[in-house]
Amino acid sequence: MQTSCPSPPEAKFDDCKFWGYMANFTQICFQNPQGQIKVPDLKAFNLALRRIKELAVQTYENQLDDIDMINIKSEDDIPYCVLIGLMDFARMRDFDYDWTMDKDFNDRVTEMLSKGITDPFLEPKQWNDAMRKQLLFPIIGFVN
C-alpha cells in the first residue's frame, strides 16, 4: 500500500488505503484480465451501508434482532473473490480498521472467547461500545 498520500484525519473515508486495497483486489481477483473488467464500487457500497446502519439504529435500535445482519444475493457468475470484497467492506465501518489494535475492542473479544463464545462478531448482544462503534454488518448471510 502507498504511504505517501495519507487522507486528512477528518476524512470520512481513507482513499489512499482504499486504492491500495483495490490494487491488491484487482490483482488477486482478476489475475490476467482480457479487456475490461467489472470492479465493484466498494467505497460507495461501504458508505451506503454506513448510512443504512445509522438510520436503522436511529429508527429501530432496540426493536430489531437482526440489525447487525446483511443478506447478500448474487448471480452465479459473480466471482467468489468479489463476494469477499463485498464482505470486507460490509463488516466494519472503516474497511481497514484493525480491531486487534483497539484495546477495548480486543479485550472484549478475548473475554468473549474465554467464555466459550466461538465467534464474538456473531453475538451482538454481548458487544461492548467499542465493538458497536466499529462493527457495521458483521453477520452476513447468503440467500438464493
C-alpha atoms as a PDB file:
ATOM      1  CA  MET A   1       0.000   0.000   0.000  1.00  0.00           C
ATOM      2  CA  GLN A   2       1.057   3.546  -0.562  1.00  0.00           C
ATOM      3  CA  THR A   3       2.031   5.626   2.432  1.00  0.00           C
ATOM      4  CA  SER A   4       2.761   8.819   0.514  1.00  0.00           C
ATOM      5  CA  CYS A   5      -0.834  10.004   0.249  1.00  0.00           C
ATOM      6  CA  PRO A   6      -2.448   9.953   3.705  1.00  0.00           C
ATOM      7  CA  SER A   7      -6.036  11.157   3.877  1.00  0.00           C
ATOM      8  CA  PRO A   8      -6.742  14.041   6.247  1.00  0.00           C
ATOM      9  CA  PRO A   9      -7.638  12.918   9.796  1.00  0.00           C
ATOM     10  CA  GLU A  10     -11.161  14.325   9.469  1.00  0.00           C
ATOM     11  CA  ALA A  11     -11.838  12.404   6.233  1.00  0.00           C
ATOM     12  CA  LYS A  12     -14.816  10.062   6.418  1.00  0.00           C
ATOM     13  CA  PHE A  13     -13.019   7.549   4.221  1.00  0.00           C
ATOM     14  CA  ASP A  14      -9.328   6.819   3.686  1.00  0.00           C
ATOM     15  CA  ASP A  15      -8.977   6.960  -0.093  1.00  0.00           C
ATOM     16  CA  CYS A  16      -5.267   6.086  -0.062  1.00  0.00           C
ATOM     17  CA  LYS A  17      -5.799   2.829   1.800  1.00  0.00           C
ATOM     18  CA  PHE A  18      -8.831   2.152  -0.383  1.00  0.00           C
ATOM     19  CA  TRP A  19      -6.865   2.442  -3.624  1.00  0.00           C
ATOM     20  CA  GLY A  20      -4.138   0.245  -2.160  1.00  0.00           C
ATOM     21  CA  TYR A  21      -6.804  -2.333  -1.318  1.00  0.00           C
ATOM     22  CA  MET A  22      -8.306  -2.017  -4.803  1.00  0.00           C
ATOM     23  CA  ALA A  23      -4.901  -2.576  -6.424  1.00  0.00           C
ATOM     24  CA  ASN A  24      -4.485  -5.797  -4.440  1.00  0.00           C
ATOM     25  CA  PHE A  25      -8.136  -6.757  -5.022  1.00  0.00           C
ATOM     26  CA  THR A  26      -7.922  -6.437  -8.796  1.00  0.00           C
ATOM     27  CA  GLN A  27      -4.562  -8.198  -8.913  1.00  0.00           C
ATOM     28  CA  ILE A  28      -5.898 -11.157  -6.907  1.00  0.00           C
ATOM     29  CA  CYS A  29      -9.401 -11.355  -8.370  1.00  0.00           C
ATOM     30  CA  PHE A  30      -8.540 -10.609 -11.992  1.00  0.00           C
ATOM     31  CA  GLN A  31      -5.017 -12.015 -12.423  1.00  0.00           C
ATOM     32  CA  ASN A  32      -4.902 -11.932 -16.214  1.00  0.00           C
ATOM     33  CA  PRO A  33      -7.818  -9.808 -17.389  1.00  0.00           C
ATOM     34  CA  GLN A  34      -8.672  -9.875 -21.051  1.00  0.00           C
ATOM     35  CA  GLY A  35     -10.079  -6.438 -21.826  1.00  0.00           C
ATOM     36  CA  GLN A  36     -12.248  -4.502 -19.405  1.00  0.00           C
ATOM     37  CA  ILE A  37     -13.229  -5.892 -16.047  1.00  0.00           C
ATOM     38  CA  LYS A  38     -16.147  -5.009 -13.798  1.00  0.00           C
ATOM     39  CA  VAL A  39     -14.887  -3.901 -10.411  1.00  0.00           C
ATOM     40  CA  PRO A  40     -17.472  -3.155  -7.725  1.00  0.00           C
ATOM     41  CA  ASP A  41     -17.512   0.322  -6.235  1.00  0.00           C
ATOM     42  CA  LEU A  42     -16.642  -0.869  -2.742  1.00  0.00           C
ATOM     43  CA  LYS A  43     -16.258   2.667  -1.399  1.00  0.00           C
ATOM     44  CA  ALA A  44     -19.804   3.658  -2.409  1.00  0.00           C
ATOM     45  CA  PHE A  45     -21.042   0.318  -1.067  1.00  0.00           C
ATOM     46  CA  ASN A  46     -19.389   0.893   2.327  1.00  0.00           C
ATOM     47  CA  LEU A  47     -20.596   4.488   2.599  1.00  0.00           C
ATOM     48  CA  ALA A  48     -24.161   3.458   1.672  1.00  0.00           C
ATOM     49  CA  LEU A  49     -24.105   0.673   4.263  1.00  0.00           C
ATOM     50  CA  ARG A  50     -22.850   3.103   6.907  1.00  0.00           C
ATOM     51  CA  ARG A  51     -25.811   5.373   6.202  1.00  0.00           C
ATOM     52  CA  ILE A  52     -28.265   2.455   6.238  1.00  0.00           C
ATOM     53  CA  LYS A  53     -26.881   1.259   9.571  1.00  0.00           C
ATOM     54  CA  GLU A  54     -27.072   4.766  11.060  1.00  0.00           C
ATOM     55  CA  LEU A  55     -30.706   5.106  10.001  1.00  0.00           C
ATOM     56  CA  ALA A  56     -31.565   1.619  11.248  1.00  0.00           C
ATOM     57  CA  VAL A  57     -30.000   2.297  14.649  1.00  0.00           C
ATOM     58  CA  GLN A  58     -31.705   5.695  14.935  1.00  0.00           C
ATOM     59  CA  THR A  59     -35.077   4.247  13.992  1.00  0.00           C
ATOM     60  CA  TYR A  60     -35.092   0.676  15.342  1.00  0.00           C
ATOM     61  CA  GLU A  61     -32.098   0.247  17.675  1.00  0.00           C
ATOM     62  CA  ASN A  62     -33.718  -1.942  20.314  1.00  0.00           C
ATOM     63  CA  GLN A  63     -36.541  -3.307  18.177  1.00  0.00           C
ATOM     64  CA  LEU A  64     -34.728  -5.480  15.629  1.00  0.00           C
ATOM     65  CA  ASP A  65     -32.822  -8.649  16.461  1.00  0.00           C
ATOM     66  CA  ASP A  66     -31.123  -8.706  13.053  1.00  0.00           C
ATOM     67  CA  ILE A  67     -30.000  -5.062  12.870  1.00  0.00           C
ATOM     68  CA  ASP A  68     -26.373  -6.233  12.544  1.00  0.00           C
ATOM     69  CA  MET A  69     -27.064  -8.675   9.701  1.00  0.00           C
ATOM     70  CA  ILE A  70     -26.883  -8.218   5.973  1.00  0.00           C
ATOM     71  CA  ASN A  71     -28.014 -10.767   3.419  1.00  0.00           C
ATOM     72  CA  ILE A  72     -26.127 -10.964   0.152  1.00  0.00           C
ATOM     73  CA  LYS A  73     -27.643 -12.347  -3.008  1.00  0.00           C
ATOM     74  CA  SER A  74     -25.549 -12.702  -6.121  1.00  0.00           C
ATOM     75  CA  GLU A  75     -25.792 -14.236  -9.528  1.00  0.00           C
ATOM     76  CA  ASP A  76     -23.920 -17.478 -10.201  1.00  0.00           C
ATOM     77  CA  ASP A  77     -21.369 -15.763 -12.450  1.00  0.00           C
ATOM     78  CA  ILE A  78     -20.104 -13.373  -9.741  1.00  0.00           C
ATOM     79  CA  PRO A  79     -16.545 -14.382  -8.798  1.00  0.00           C
ATOM     80  CA  TYR A  80     -16.117 -15.572  -5.222  1.00  0.00           C
ATOM     81  CA  CYS A  81     -13.318 -13.045  -4.782  1.00  0.00           C
ATOM     82  CA  VAL A  82     -15.762 -10.194  -5.478  1.00  0.00           C
ATOM     83  CA  LEU A  83     -18.058 -11.525  -2.745  1.00  0.00           C
ATOM     84  CA  ILE A  84     -15.102 -11.487  -0.345  1.00  0.00           C
ATOM     85  CA  GLY A  85     -14.517  -7.817  -1.208  1.00  0.00           C
ATOM     86  CA  LEU A  86     -18.168  -7.038  -0.508  1.00  0.00           C
ATOM     87  CA  MET A  87     -17.960  -8.823   2.839  1.00  0.00           C
ATOM     88  CA  ASP A  88     -14.754  -6.952   3.739  1.00  0.00           C
ATOM     89  CA  PHE A  89     -16.495  -3.630   3.185  1.00  0.00           C
ATOM     90  CA  ALA A  90     -19.718  -4.682   4.942  1.00  0.00           C
ATOM     91  CA  ARG A  91     -18.233  -5.897   8.228  1.00  0.00           C
ATOM     92  CA  MET A  92     -16.564  -2.755   9.572  1.00  0.00           C
ATOM     93  CA  ARG A  93     -17.405   0.931   9.324  1.00  0.00           C
ATOM     94  CA  ASP A  94     -13.783   1.562   8.363  1.00  0.00           C
ATOM     95  CA  PHE A  95     -12.805  -1.207   5.957  1.00  0.00           C
ATOM     96  CA  ASP A  96      -9.158  -1.092   7.086  1.00  0.00           C
ATOM     97  CA  TYR A  97      -9.886  -0.989  10.820  1.00  0.00           C
ATOM     98  CA  ASP A  98      -7.593  -3.272  12.837  1.00  0.00           C
ATOM     99  CA  TRP A  99      -9.647  -4.214  15.884  1.00  0.00           C
ATOM    100  CA  THR A 100      -6.688  -6.035  17.429  1.00  0.00           C
ATOM    101  CA  MET A 101      -5.062  -2.631  17.996  1.00  0.00           C
ATOM    102  CA  ASP A 102      -8.122  -1.258  19.840  1.00  0.00           C
ATOM    103  CA  LYS A 103      -7.678  -2.272  23.489  1.00  0.00           C
ATOM    104  CA  ASP A 104     -11.377  -2.084  24.456  1.00  0.00           C
ATOM    105  CA  PHE A 105     -12.499  -3.965  21.358  1.00  0.00           C
ATOM    106  CA  ASN A 106      -9.749  -6.579  21.620  1.00  0.00           C
ATOM    107  CA  ASP A 107     -10.223  -7.092  25.368  1.00  0.00           C
ATOM    108  CA  ARG A 108     -13.945  -7.747  24.892  1.00  0.00           C
ATOM    109  CA  VAL A 109     -13.296 -10.223  22.071  1.00  0.00           C
ATOM    110  CA  THR A 110     -10.741 -12.037  24.256  1.00  0.00           C
ATOM    111  CA  GLU A 111     -13.184 -12.103  27.168  1.00  0.00           C
ATOM    112  CA  MET A 112     -15.976 -13.483  24.978  1.00  0.00           C
ATOM    113  CA  LEU A 113     -13.689 -16.182  23.604  1.00  0.00           C
ATOM    114  CA  SER A 114     -12.644 -17.162  27.139  1.00  0.00           C
ATOM    115  CA  LYS A 115     -16.335 -17.617  27.982  1.00  0.00           C
ATOM    116  CA  GLY A 116     -16.736 -20.103  25.125  1.00  0.00           C
ATOM    117  CA  ILE A 117     -18.248 -17.794  22.510  1.00  0.00           C
ATOM    118  CA  THR A 118     -16.907 -19.203  19.254  1.00  0.00           C
ATOM    119  CA  ASP A 119     -17.339 -16.093  17.096  1.00  0.00           C
ATOM    120  CA  PRO A 120     -17.744 -12.854  19.070  1.00  0.00           C
ATOM    121  CA  PHE A 121     -18.688 -10.957  15.909  1.00  0.00           C
ATOM    122  CA  LEU A 122     -21.864 -13.044  15.698  1.00  0.00           C
ATOM    123  CA  GLU A 123     -23.042 -12.151  19.218  1.00  0.00           C
ATOM    124  CA  PRO A 124     -24.295  -8.535  19.093  1.00  0.00           C
ATOM    125  CA  LYS A 125     -25.977  -8.749  22.497  1.00  0.00           C
ATOM    126  CA  GLN A 126     -22.517  -9.347  24.008  1.00  0.00           C
ATOM    127  CA  TRP A 127     -20.728  -6.452  22.262  1.00  0.00           C
ATOM    128  CA  ASN A 128     -19.314  -3.519  24.177  1.00  0.00           C
ATOM    129  CA  ASP A 129     -19.382   0.107  22.997  1.00  0.00           C
ATOM    130  CA  ALA A 130     -16.052  -0.198  21.162  1.00  0.00           C
ATOM    131  CA  MET A 131     -17.401  -3.106  19.122  1.00  0.00           C
ATOM    132  CA  ARG A 132     -20.720  -1.399  18.376  1.00  0.00           C
ATOM    133  CA  LYS A 133     -18.851   1.706  17.249  1.00  0.00           C
ATOM    134  CA  GLN A 134     -16.797  -0.133  14.622  1.00  0.00           C
ATOM    135  CA  LEU A 135     -18.886  -3.114  13.515  1.00  0.00           C
ATOM    136  CA  LEU A 136     -21.184  -2.418  10.600  1.00  0.00           C
ATOM    137  CA  PHE A 137     -22.792  -5.646   9.358  1.00  0.00           C
ATOM    138  CA  PRO A 138     -20.553  -8.446  10.653  1.00  0.00           C
ATOM    139  CA  ILE A 139     -23.302 -11.061  10.342  1.00  0.00           C
ATOM    140  CA  ILE A 140     -23.526 -11.974   6.695  1.00  0.00           C
ATOM    141  CA  GLY A 141     -25.989 -14.399   5.182  1.00  0.00           C
ATOM    142  CA  PHE A 142     -26.169 -15.641   1.625  1.00  0.00           C
ATOM    143  CA  VAL A 143     -29.591 -16.024   0.051  1.00  0.00           C
ATOM    144  CA  ASN A 144     -30.721 -17.680  -3.147  1.00  0.00           C
END
